[in-house]
Amino acid sequence: MAKRRPTAAEQHRRAVATYVAAGGEESVQRVITAIGSLSRKLDQWYARQLADLGITGGEWAVVATLAKADGPLTPSQLADLTNVAPSSMTHRLDKLAERGLVERTPDAENRTRILVGLTSAGWEFFSLAIRGSDVVESDVLQDLSDAERGELARLLEVVIARLDDVEA
């Protein structure tokens, strides 16, 4: 008979117990372990979703970065913001341009520089992907009320802000 795979809750409890046994504070380990587990599970789901959409994680990072930007960005800025080498960015931009998701235009103020922005098809693609993600994300959070979601978001934003202090 096949051995039953532990549930996510069982895996979480075991991991926390291991970290506590090694000297970690239980309340801290419960939070950090839960965030890590949630992040890994969502990353797995997002990878499957992106594969279904026919785009790599690296290409998605470019699309999402452009969608969040206040305007077009240079390839160098995109490489910095997505943590890749400029040569990798060129390859990603080539693939996205072939699909009609991004466009490169000369910078009117500096003709030696190229600016990259999303096309209308790129925005439609971004919106489609976000709506698809929202279905799963909403399902993950369905057991929380709107007030609880708001409080969870507020608490995580406090933790995120603290990360800036720790990195400095």
N, C-alpha and C. Protein backbone atom coordinates (compact mmCIF):
# COMPACT_ATOMS: atom_id res chain seq x y z
N MET A 1 0.84 -1.18 0.00
CA MET A 1 0.00 0.00 0.00
C MET A 1 0.89 1.25 0.00
N ALA A 2 0.52 2.23 -0.82
CA ALA A 2 1.32 3.46 -0.94
C ALA A 2 1.18 4.29 0.32
N LYS A 3 2.28 4.90 0.67
CA LYS A 3 2.30 5.76 1.86
C LYS A 3 1.57 7.06 1.53
N ARG A 4 0.72 7.49 2.45
CA ARG A 4 -0.04 8.72 2.27
C ARG A 4 0.88 9.92 2.35
N ARG A 5 0.71 10.83 1.42
CA ARG A 5 1.52 12.06 1.42
C ARG A 5 0.98 13.00 2.49
N PRO A 6 1.86 13.61 3.28
CA PRO A 6 1.38 14.53 4.32
C PRO A 6 0.67 15.74 3.72
N THR A 7 -0.34 16.21 4.41
CA THR A 7 -1.06 17.40 3.96
C THR A 7 -0.16 18.63 4.10
N ALA A 8 -0.55 19.71 3.47
CA ALA A 8 0.21 20.95 3.59
C ALA A 8 0.27 21.40 5.04
N ALA A 9 -0.82 21.24 5.78
CA ALA A 9 -0.84 21.63 7.19
C ALA A 9 0.12 20.77 8.01
N GLU A 10 0.16 19.46 7.71
CA GLU A 10 1.09 18.58 8.42
C GLU A 10 2.54 18.94 8.10
N GLN A 11 2.82 19.21 6.84
CA GLN A 11 4.17 19.60 6.45
C GLN A 11 4.57 20.89 7.15
N HIS A 12 3.64 21.82 7.25
CA HIS A 12 3.91 23.10 7.92
C HIS A 12 4.24 22.88 9.40
N ARG A 13 3.42 22.08 10.07
CA ARG A 13 3.65 21.81 11.50
C ARG A 13 5.01 21.14 11.72
N ARG A 14 5.35 20.19 10.86
CA ARG A 14 6.65 19.51 10.99
C ARG A 14 7.82 20.47 10.77
N ALA A 15 7.69 21.30 9.76
CA ALA A 15 8.77 22.26 9.48
C ALA A 15 8.95 23.22 10.64
N VAL A 16 7.84 23.74 11.17
CA VAL A 16 7.92 24.66 12.32
C VAL A 16 8.56 23.96 13.50
N ALA A 17 8.14 22.74 13.78
CA ALA A 17 8.71 21.99 14.90
C ALA A 17 10.22 21.80 14.72
N THR A 18 10.65 21.54 13.50
CA THR A 18 12.08 21.36 13.23
C THR A 18 12.85 22.65 13.50
N TYR A 19 12.32 23.77 13.04
CA TYR A 19 12.99 25.06 13.24
C TYR A 19 12.99 25.46 14.71
N VAL A 20 11.92 25.16 15.41
CA VAL A 20 11.85 25.47 16.84
C VAL A 20 12.86 24.60 17.61
N ALA A 21 12.93 23.33 17.24
CA ALA A 21 13.89 22.43 17.89
C ALA A 21 15.33 22.89 17.69
N ALA A 22 15.57 23.59 16.57
CA ALA A 22 16.91 24.09 16.28
C ALA A 22 17.17 25.45 16.94
N GLY A 23 16.19 25.97 17.65
CA GLY A 23 16.38 27.23 18.38
C GLY A 23 15.57 28.41 17.89
N GLY A 24 14.73 28.21 16.88
CA GLY A 24 13.90 29.30 16.37
C GLY A 24 12.72 29.57 17.29
N GLU A 25 12.25 30.81 17.27
CA GLU A 25 11.07 31.19 18.06
C GLU A 25 9.82 30.70 17.33
N GLU A 26 8.93 30.02 18.03
CA GLU A 26 7.79 29.38 17.38
C GLU A 26 6.92 30.36 16.59
N SER A 27 6.55 31.48 17.17
CA SER A 27 5.65 32.40 16.46
C SER A 27 6.31 32.94 15.19
N VAL A 28 7.60 33.20 15.25
CA VAL A 28 8.33 33.68 14.08
C VAL A 28 8.37 32.58 13.02
N GLN A 29 8.69 31.37 13.43
CA GLN A 29 8.80 30.25 12.49
C GLN A 29 7.46 29.90 11.86
N ARG A 30 6.39 30.03 12.61
CA ARG A 30 5.06 29.77 12.04
C ARG A 30 4.77 30.73 10.90
N VAL A 31 5.09 32.01 11.10
CA VAL A 31 4.82 33.02 10.07
C VAL A 31 5.74 32.83 8.87
N ILE A 32 7.04 32.76 9.10
CA ILE A 32 8.01 32.68 8.01
C ILE A 32 7.83 31.40 7.21
N THR A 33 7.60 30.29 7.90
CA THR A 33 7.39 29.02 7.21
C THR A 33 6.11 29.06 6.37
N ALA A 34 5.06 29.67 6.91
CA ALA A 34 3.81 29.78 6.16
C ALA A 34 3.98 30.65 4.92
N ILE A 35 4.67 31.76 5.06
CA ILE A 35 4.90 32.65 3.91
C ILE A 35 5.72 31.92 2.85
N GLY A 36 6.77 31.22 3.27
CA GLY A 36 7.59 30.48 2.32
C GLY A 36 6.81 29.40 1.60
N SER A 37 6.00 28.67 2.34
CA SER A 37 5.20 27.61 1.74
C SER A 37 4.18 28.18 0.75
N LEU A 38 3.52 29.24 1.14
CA LEU A 38 2.55 29.89 0.26
C LEU A 38 3.24 30.38 -1.01
N SER A 39 4.39 30.99 -0.86
CA SER A 39 5.13 31.50 -2.01
C SER A 39 5.51 30.38 -2.97
N ARG A 40 6.01 29.27 -2.43
CA ARG A 40 6.39 28.12 -3.29
C ARG A 40 5.18 27.56 -4.02
N LYS A 41 4.08 27.39 -3.31
CA LYS A 41 2.87 26.83 -3.95
C LYS A 41 2.35 27.75 -5.05
N LEU A 42 2.32 29.06 -4.77
CA LEU A 42 1.86 30.00 -5.78
C LEU A 42 2.82 30.04 -6.96
N ASP A 43 4.13 29.99 -6.70
CA ASP A 43 5.11 29.96 -7.79
C ASP A 43 4.88 28.76 -8.70
N GLN A 44 4.57 27.60 -8.11
CA GLN A 44 4.29 26.40 -8.90
C GLN A 44 3.06 26.61 -9.77
N TRP A 45 2.03 27.19 -9.18
CA TRP A 45 0.80 27.42 -9.94
C TRP A 45 1.04 28.44 -11.05
N TYR A 46 1.74 29.54 -10.73
CA TYR A 46 2.03 30.57 -11.74
C TYR A 46 2.85 29.98 -12.89
N ALA A 47 3.81 29.13 -12.59
CA ALA A 47 4.62 28.51 -13.64
C ALA A 47 3.74 27.70 -14.59
N ARG A 48 2.78 26.95 -14.04
CA ARG A 48 1.86 26.19 -14.88
C ARG A 48 0.99 27.12 -15.71
N GLN A 49 0.51 28.20 -15.08
CA GLN A 49 -0.33 29.15 -15.80
C GLN A 49 0.44 29.80 -16.95
N LEU A 50 1.67 30.22 -16.69
CA LEU A 50 2.47 30.84 -17.73
C LEU A 50 2.74 29.87 -18.87
N ALA A 51 3.01 28.61 -18.53
CA ALA A 51 3.23 27.60 -19.57
C ALA A 51 1.97 27.45 -20.43
N ASP A 52 0.80 27.45 -19.79
CA ASP A 52 -0.46 27.38 -20.53
C ASP A 52 -0.64 28.59 -21.46
N LEU A 53 -0.11 29.73 -21.04
CA LEU A 53 -0.21 30.96 -21.84
C LEU A 53 0.90 31.05 -22.88
N GLY A 54 1.85 30.10 -22.84
CA GLY A 54 2.93 30.07 -23.81
C GLY A 54 3.99 31.13 -23.59
N ILE A 55 4.26 31.44 -22.34
CA ILE A 55 5.26 32.47 -22.03
C ILE A 55 6.13 31.96 -20.88
N THR A 56 7.39 32.33 -20.91
CA THR A 56 8.30 31.91 -19.83
C THR A 56 8.17 32.87 -18.65
N GLY A 57 8.68 32.45 -17.52
CA GLY A 57 8.69 33.31 -16.35
C GLY A 57 9.47 34.59 -16.59
N GLY A 58 10.59 34.47 -17.31
CA GLY A 58 11.40 35.64 -17.62
C GLY A 58 10.68 36.62 -18.53
N GLU A 59 9.97 36.09 -19.51
CA GLU A 59 9.19 36.96 -20.40
C GLU A 59 8.05 37.62 -19.65
N TRP A 60 7.42 36.86 -18.76
CA TRP A 60 6.35 37.43 -17.94
C TRP A 60 6.89 38.57 -17.07
N ALA A 61 8.09 38.40 -16.53
CA ALA A 61 8.68 39.46 -15.70
C ALA A 61 8.80 40.75 -16.50
N VAL A 62 9.14 40.65 -17.79
CA VAL A 62 9.24 41.84 -18.64
C VAL A 62 7.85 42.46 -18.84
N VAL A 63 6.87 41.63 -19.18
CA VAL A 63 5.51 42.13 -19.39
C VAL A 63 4.99 42.81 -18.13
N ALA A 64 5.14 42.16 -16.98
CA ALA A 64 4.64 42.71 -15.72
C ALA A 64 5.37 43.99 -15.34
N THR A 65 6.68 44.03 -15.57
CA THR A 65 7.46 45.23 -15.25
C THR A 65 7.01 46.40 -16.12
N LEU A 66 6.80 46.15 -17.40
CA LEU A 66 6.32 47.21 -18.28
C LEU A 66 4.92 47.66 -17.90
N ALA A 67 4.08 46.73 -17.49
CA ALA A 67 2.71 47.09 -17.09
C ALA A 67 2.71 47.98 -15.85
N LYS A 68 3.64 47.74 -14.95
CA LYS A 68 3.71 48.51 -13.70
C LYS A 68 4.47 49.83 -13.84
N ALA A 69 5.21 49.99 -14.94
CA ALA A 69 6.03 51.19 -15.14
C ALA A 69 5.14 52.38 -15.49
N ASP A 70 5.66 53.57 -15.22
CA ASP A 70 4.93 54.80 -15.55
C ASP A 70 5.00 55.12 -17.04
N GLY A 71 5.84 54.45 -17.76
CA GLY A 71 6.00 54.68 -19.19
C GLY A 71 6.98 53.70 -19.75
N PRO A 72 7.40 53.90 -20.99
CA PRO A 72 8.36 52.98 -21.60
C PRO A 72 9.68 52.98 -20.83
N LEU A 73 10.39 51.86 -20.94
CA LEU A 73 11.68 51.69 -20.28
C LEU A 73 12.72 51.30 -21.32
N THR A 74 13.98 51.56 -21.00
CA THR A 74 15.06 51.11 -21.88
C THR A 74 15.31 49.62 -21.61
N PRO A 75 15.90 48.92 -22.55
CA PRO A 75 16.27 47.53 -22.29
C PRO A 75 17.18 47.38 -21.06
N SER A 76 18.08 48.34 -20.86
CA SER A 76 18.96 48.29 -19.68
C SER A 76 18.16 48.41 -18.39
N GLN A 77 17.19 49.31 -18.38
CA GLN A 77 16.35 49.45 -17.19
C GLN A 77 15.57 48.16 -16.94
N LEU A 78 15.04 47.56 -17.99
CA LEU A 78 14.31 46.30 -17.85
C LEU A 78 15.22 45.20 -17.33
N ALA A 79 16.45 45.14 -17.84
CA ALA A 79 17.40 44.13 -17.37
C ALA A 79 17.67 44.31 -15.88
N ASP A 80 17.87 45.55 -15.45
CA ASP A 80 18.12 45.82 -14.03
C ASP A 80 16.92 45.45 -13.18
N LEU A 81 15.74 45.86 -13.62
CA LEU A 81 14.52 45.63 -12.82
C LEU A 81 14.13 44.15 -12.74
N THR A 82 14.53 43.37 -13.73
CA THR A 82 14.19 41.94 -13.73
C THR A 82 15.38 41.06 -13.39
N ASN A 83 16.51 41.69 -13.04
CA ASN A 83 17.71 40.97 -12.59
C ASN A 83 18.25 39.98 -13.61
N VAL A 84 18.39 40.43 -14.86
CA VAL A 84 19.00 39.58 -15.90
C VAL A 84 20.08 40.36 -16.63
N ALA A 85 20.92 39.63 -17.32
CA ALA A 85 21.96 40.24 -18.14
C ALA A 85 21.32 40.93 -19.35
N PRO A 86 21.92 42.02 -19.83
CA PRO A 86 21.37 42.70 -21.00
C PRO A 86 21.19 41.79 -22.21
N SER A 87 22.10 40.82 -22.42
CA SER A 87 21.95 39.91 -23.55
C SER A 87 20.70 39.04 -23.40
N SER A 88 20.40 38.63 -22.19
CA SER A 88 19.17 37.86 -21.95
C SER A 88 17.94 38.72 -22.20
N MET A 89 18.03 39.99 -21.83
CA MET A 89 16.90 40.89 -22.06
C MET A 89 16.64 41.06 -23.55
N THR A 90 17.70 41.18 -24.33
CA THR A 90 17.53 41.31 -25.78
C THR A 90 16.77 40.11 -26.34
N HIS A 91 17.15 38.92 -25.91
CA HIS A 91 16.47 37.71 -26.37
C HIS A 91 15.00 37.72 -25.96
N ARG A 92 14.73 38.09 -24.73
CA ARG A 92 13.34 38.15 -24.25
C ARG A 92 12.53 39.17 -25.05
N LEU A 93 13.12 40.32 -25.28
CA LEU A 93 12.41 41.36 -26.04
C LEU A 93 12.15 40.92 -27.47
N ASP A 94 13.11 40.21 -28.07
CA ASP A 94 12.90 39.69 -29.43
C ASP A 94 11.69 38.77 -29.46
N LYS A 95 11.61 37.85 -28.51
CA LYS A 95 10.50 36.89 -28.47
C LYS A 95 9.16 37.60 -28.23
N LEU A 96 9.16 38.57 -27.31
CA LEU A 96 7.92 39.29 -27.01
C LEU A 96 7.49 40.17 -28.18
N ALA A 97 8.45 40.76 -28.88
CA ALA A 97 8.14 41.58 -30.05
C ALA A 97 7.57 40.70 -31.18
N GLU A 98 8.14 39.49 -31.36
CA GLU A 98 7.62 38.56 -32.37
C GLU A 98 6.16 38.22 -32.12
N ARG A 99 5.78 38.16 -30.85
CA ARG A 99 4.39 37.86 -30.48
C ARG A 99 3.51 39.10 -30.51
N GLY A 100 4.12 40.26 -30.72
CA GLY A 100 3.35 41.50 -30.78
C GLY A 100 2.97 42.05 -29.42
N LEU A 101 3.67 41.61 -28.36
CA LEU A 101 3.33 42.04 -27.01
C LEU A 101 4.07 43.31 -26.59
N VAL A 102 5.25 43.54 -27.18
CA VAL A 102 6.01 44.75 -26.87
C VAL A 102 6.42 45.42 -28.18
N GLU A 103 6.71 46.72 -28.06
CA GLU A 103 7.25 47.43 -29.20
C GLU A 103 8.45 48.24 -28.76
N ARG A 104 9.42 48.32 -29.66
CA ARG A 104 10.62 49.12 -29.43
C ARG A 104 10.52 50.35 -30.31
N THR A 105 10.79 51.50 -29.69
CA THR A 105 10.77 52.74 -30.45
C THR A 105 12.00 53.57 -30.08
N PRO A 106 12.53 54.33 -31.04
CA PRO A 106 13.66 55.20 -30.71
C PRO A 106 13.22 56.27 -29.72
N ASP A 107 14.08 56.61 -28.80
CA ASP A 107 13.82 57.68 -27.83
C ASP A 107 13.92 59.01 -28.58
N ALA A 108 12.86 59.81 -28.53
CA ALA A 108 12.85 61.10 -29.25
C ALA A 108 13.92 62.05 -28.72
N GLU A 109 14.29 61.92 -27.47
CA GLU A 109 15.28 62.81 -26.86
C GLU A 109 16.71 62.31 -27.04
N ASN A 110 16.88 61.02 -27.32
CA ASN A 110 18.21 60.44 -27.49
C ASN A 110 18.08 59.32 -28.53
N ARG A 111 18.34 59.65 -29.78
CA ARG A 111 18.10 58.72 -30.88
C ARG A 111 18.96 57.45 -30.80
N THR A 112 19.97 57.43 -29.94
CA THR A 112 20.78 56.22 -29.80
C THR A 112 20.17 55.25 -28.80
N ARG A 113 19.12 55.68 -28.15
CA ARG A 113 18.50 54.84 -27.11
C ARG A 113 17.14 54.34 -27.60
N ILE A 114 16.83 53.12 -27.23
CA ILE A 114 15.56 52.49 -27.58
C ILE A 114 14.68 52.44 -26.34
N LEU A 115 13.39 52.68 -26.52
CA LEU A 115 12.42 52.54 -25.44
C LEU A 115 11.49 51.37 -25.75
N VAL A 116 11.11 50.66 -24.72
CA VAL A 116 10.26 49.48 -24.86
C VAL A 116 8.97 49.71 -24.09
N GLY A 117 7.87 49.40 -24.72
CA GLY A 117 6.57 49.51 -24.06
C GLY A 117 5.66 48.38 -24.49
N LEU A 118 4.59 48.20 -23.75
CA LEU A 118 3.60 47.18 -24.12
C LEU A 118 2.75 47.68 -25.28
N THR A 119 2.41 46.80 -26.17
CA THR A 119 1.44 47.10 -27.22
C THR A 119 0.04 46.90 -26.64
N SER A 120 -0.97 47.22 -27.40
CA SER A 120 -2.33 46.96 -26.91
C SER A 120 -2.53 45.45 -26.72
N ALA A 121 -1.93 44.64 -27.58
CA ALA A 121 -2.00 43.18 -27.41
C ALA A 121 -1.26 42.77 -26.13
N GLY A 122 -0.16 43.46 -25.82
CA GLY A 122 0.56 43.18 -24.58
C GLY A 122 -0.28 43.48 -23.36
N TRP A 123 -1.00 44.61 -23.40
CA TRP A 123 -1.89 44.94 -22.28
C TRP A 123 -3.02 43.92 -22.16
N GLU A 124 -3.56 43.50 -23.28
CA GLU A 124 -4.63 42.48 -23.25
C GLU A 124 -4.10 41.18 -22.66
N PHE A 125 -2.90 40.80 -23.06
CA PHE A 125 -2.27 39.59 -22.54
C PHE A 125 -2.06 39.70 -21.03
N PHE A 126 -1.53 40.84 -20.58
CA PHE A 126 -1.32 41.08 -19.15
C PHE A 126 -2.64 40.96 -18.40
N SER A 127 -3.67 41.59 -18.91
CA SER A 127 -4.98 41.56 -18.26
C SER A 127 -5.55 40.14 -18.20
N LEU A 128 -5.42 39.39 -19.28
CA LEU A 128 -5.88 38.00 -19.32
C LEU A 128 -5.17 37.16 -18.25
N ALA A 129 -3.85 37.32 -18.16
CA ALA A 129 -3.07 36.56 -17.18
C ALA A 129 -3.47 36.94 -15.75
N ILE A 130 -3.68 38.23 -15.51
CA ILE A 130 -4.05 38.68 -14.17
C ILE A 130 -5.44 38.16 -13.80
N ARG A 131 -6.37 38.21 -14.72
CA ARG A 131 -7.71 37.69 -14.41
C ARG A 131 -7.67 36.19 -14.11
N GLY A 132 -6.82 35.45 -14.84
CA GLY A 132 -6.66 34.02 -14.58
C GLY A 132 -6.05 33.77 -13.21
N SER A 133 -5.05 34.56 -12.85
CA SER A 133 -4.41 34.43 -11.54
C SER A 133 -5.38 34.76 -10.42
N ASP A 134 -6.19 35.78 -10.65
CA ASP A 134 -7.12 36.24 -9.62
C ASP A 134 -8.09 35.15 -9.20
N VAL A 135 -8.44 34.28 -10.12
CA VAL A 135 -9.35 33.17 -9.80
C VAL A 135 -8.72 32.28 -8.73
N VAL A 136 -7.48 31.87 -8.95
CA VAL A 136 -6.80 31.00 -7.99
C VAL A 136 -6.51 31.75 -6.70
N GLU A 137 -6.03 32.98 -6.81
CA GLU A 137 -5.70 33.76 -5.63
C GLU A 137 -6.93 33.99 -4.76
N SER A 138 -8.06 34.25 -5.40
CA SER A 138 -9.31 34.42 -4.64
C SER A 138 -9.71 33.13 -3.96
N ASP A 139 -9.50 32.02 -4.65
CA ASP A 139 -9.81 30.71 -4.06
C ASP A 139 -8.95 30.45 -2.84
N VAL A 140 -7.66 30.79 -2.93
CA VAL A 140 -6.73 30.59 -1.81
C VAL A 140 -7.19 31.38 -0.59
N LEU A 141 -7.75 32.57 -0.82
CA LEU A 141 -8.14 33.46 0.27
C LEU A 141 -9.62 33.39 0.62
N GLN A 142 -10.35 32.44 0.06
CA GLN A 142 -11.80 32.41 0.22
C GLN A 142 -12.28 32.23 1.66
N ASP A 143 -11.47 31.63 2.51
CA ASP A 143 -11.90 31.41 3.90
C ASP A 143 -11.70 32.64 4.78
N LEU A 144 -11.15 33.71 4.21
CA LEU A 144 -10.96 34.95 4.96
C LEU A 144 -12.03 35.97 4.54
N SER A 145 -12.54 36.68 5.51
CA SER A 145 -13.48 37.76 5.20
C SER A 145 -12.73 38.92 4.55
N ASP A 146 -13.47 39.87 4.01
CA ASP A 146 -12.81 41.05 3.43
C ASP A 146 -11.99 41.78 4.48
N ALA A 147 -12.51 41.87 5.69
CA ALA A 147 -11.77 42.54 6.78
C ALA A 147 -10.49 41.77 7.11
N GLU A 148 -10.58 40.44 7.15
CA GLU A 148 -9.39 39.63 7.45
C GLU A 148 -8.36 39.75 6.33
N ARG A 149 -8.82 39.78 5.07
CA ARG A 149 -7.89 39.97 3.95
C ARG A 149 -7.19 41.32 4.08
N GLY A 150 -7.96 42.33 4.42
CA GLY A 150 -7.38 43.66 4.60
C GLY A 150 -6.35 43.68 5.70
N GLU A 151 -6.66 43.01 6.82
CA GLU A 151 -5.73 42.97 7.95
C GLU A 151 -4.48 42.16 7.59
N LEU A 152 -4.65 41.04 6.90
CA LEU A 152 -3.50 40.25 6.46
C LEU A 152 -2.62 41.08 5.54
N ALA A 153 -3.22 41.77 4.59
CA ALA A 153 -2.45 42.61 3.68
C ALA A 153 -1.71 43.69 4.45
N ARG A 154 -2.38 44.32 5.41
CA ARG A 154 -1.75 45.38 6.20
C ARG A 154 -0.55 44.83 6.97
N LEU A 155 -0.72 43.68 7.60
CA LEU A 155 0.37 43.08 8.37
C LEU A 155 1.55 42.70 7.49
N LEU A 156 1.28 42.12 6.34
CA LEU A 156 2.36 41.75 5.43
C LEU A 156 3.07 43.00 4.89
N GLU A 157 2.34 44.07 4.66
CA GLU A 157 2.96 45.32 4.21
C GLU A 157 3.89 45.88 5.29
N VAL A 158 3.53 45.70 6.56
CA VAL A 158 4.42 46.12 7.66
C VAL A 158 5.71 45.31 7.60
N VAL A 159 5.58 44.01 7.40
CA VAL A 159 6.76 43.13 7.32
C VAL A 159 7.62 43.51 6.11
N ILE A 160 6.99 43.76 4.97
CA ILE A 160 7.72 44.14 3.77
C ILE A 160 8.49 45.44 4.00
N ALA A 161 7.86 46.41 4.64
CA ALA A 161 8.53 47.67 4.92
C ALA A 161 9.75 47.44 5.82
N ARG A 162 9.64 46.52 6.74
CA ARG A 162 10.75 46.20 7.64
C ARG A 162 11.92 45.59 6.88
N LEU A 163 11.64 44.88 5.80
CA LEU A 163 12.71 44.30 4.99
C LEU A 163 13.63 45.38 4.43
N ASP A 164 13.06 46.51 4.09
CA ASP A 164 13.90 47.62 3.61
C ASP A 164 14.88 48.06 4.70
N ASP A 165 14.42 48.10 5.96
CA ASP A 165 15.28 48.50 7.07
C ASP A 165 16.38 47.47 7.28
N VAL A 166 16.05 46.18 7.15
CA VAL A 166 17.02 45.12 7.37
C VAL A 166 18.09 45.13 6.28
N GLU A 167 17.69 45.42 5.03
CA GLU A 167 18.62 45.43 3.90
C GLU A 167 19.56 46.61 3.94
N ALA A 168 19.16 47.70 4.59
CA ALA A 168 19.98 48.93 4.60
C ALA A 168 21.24 48.80 5.42
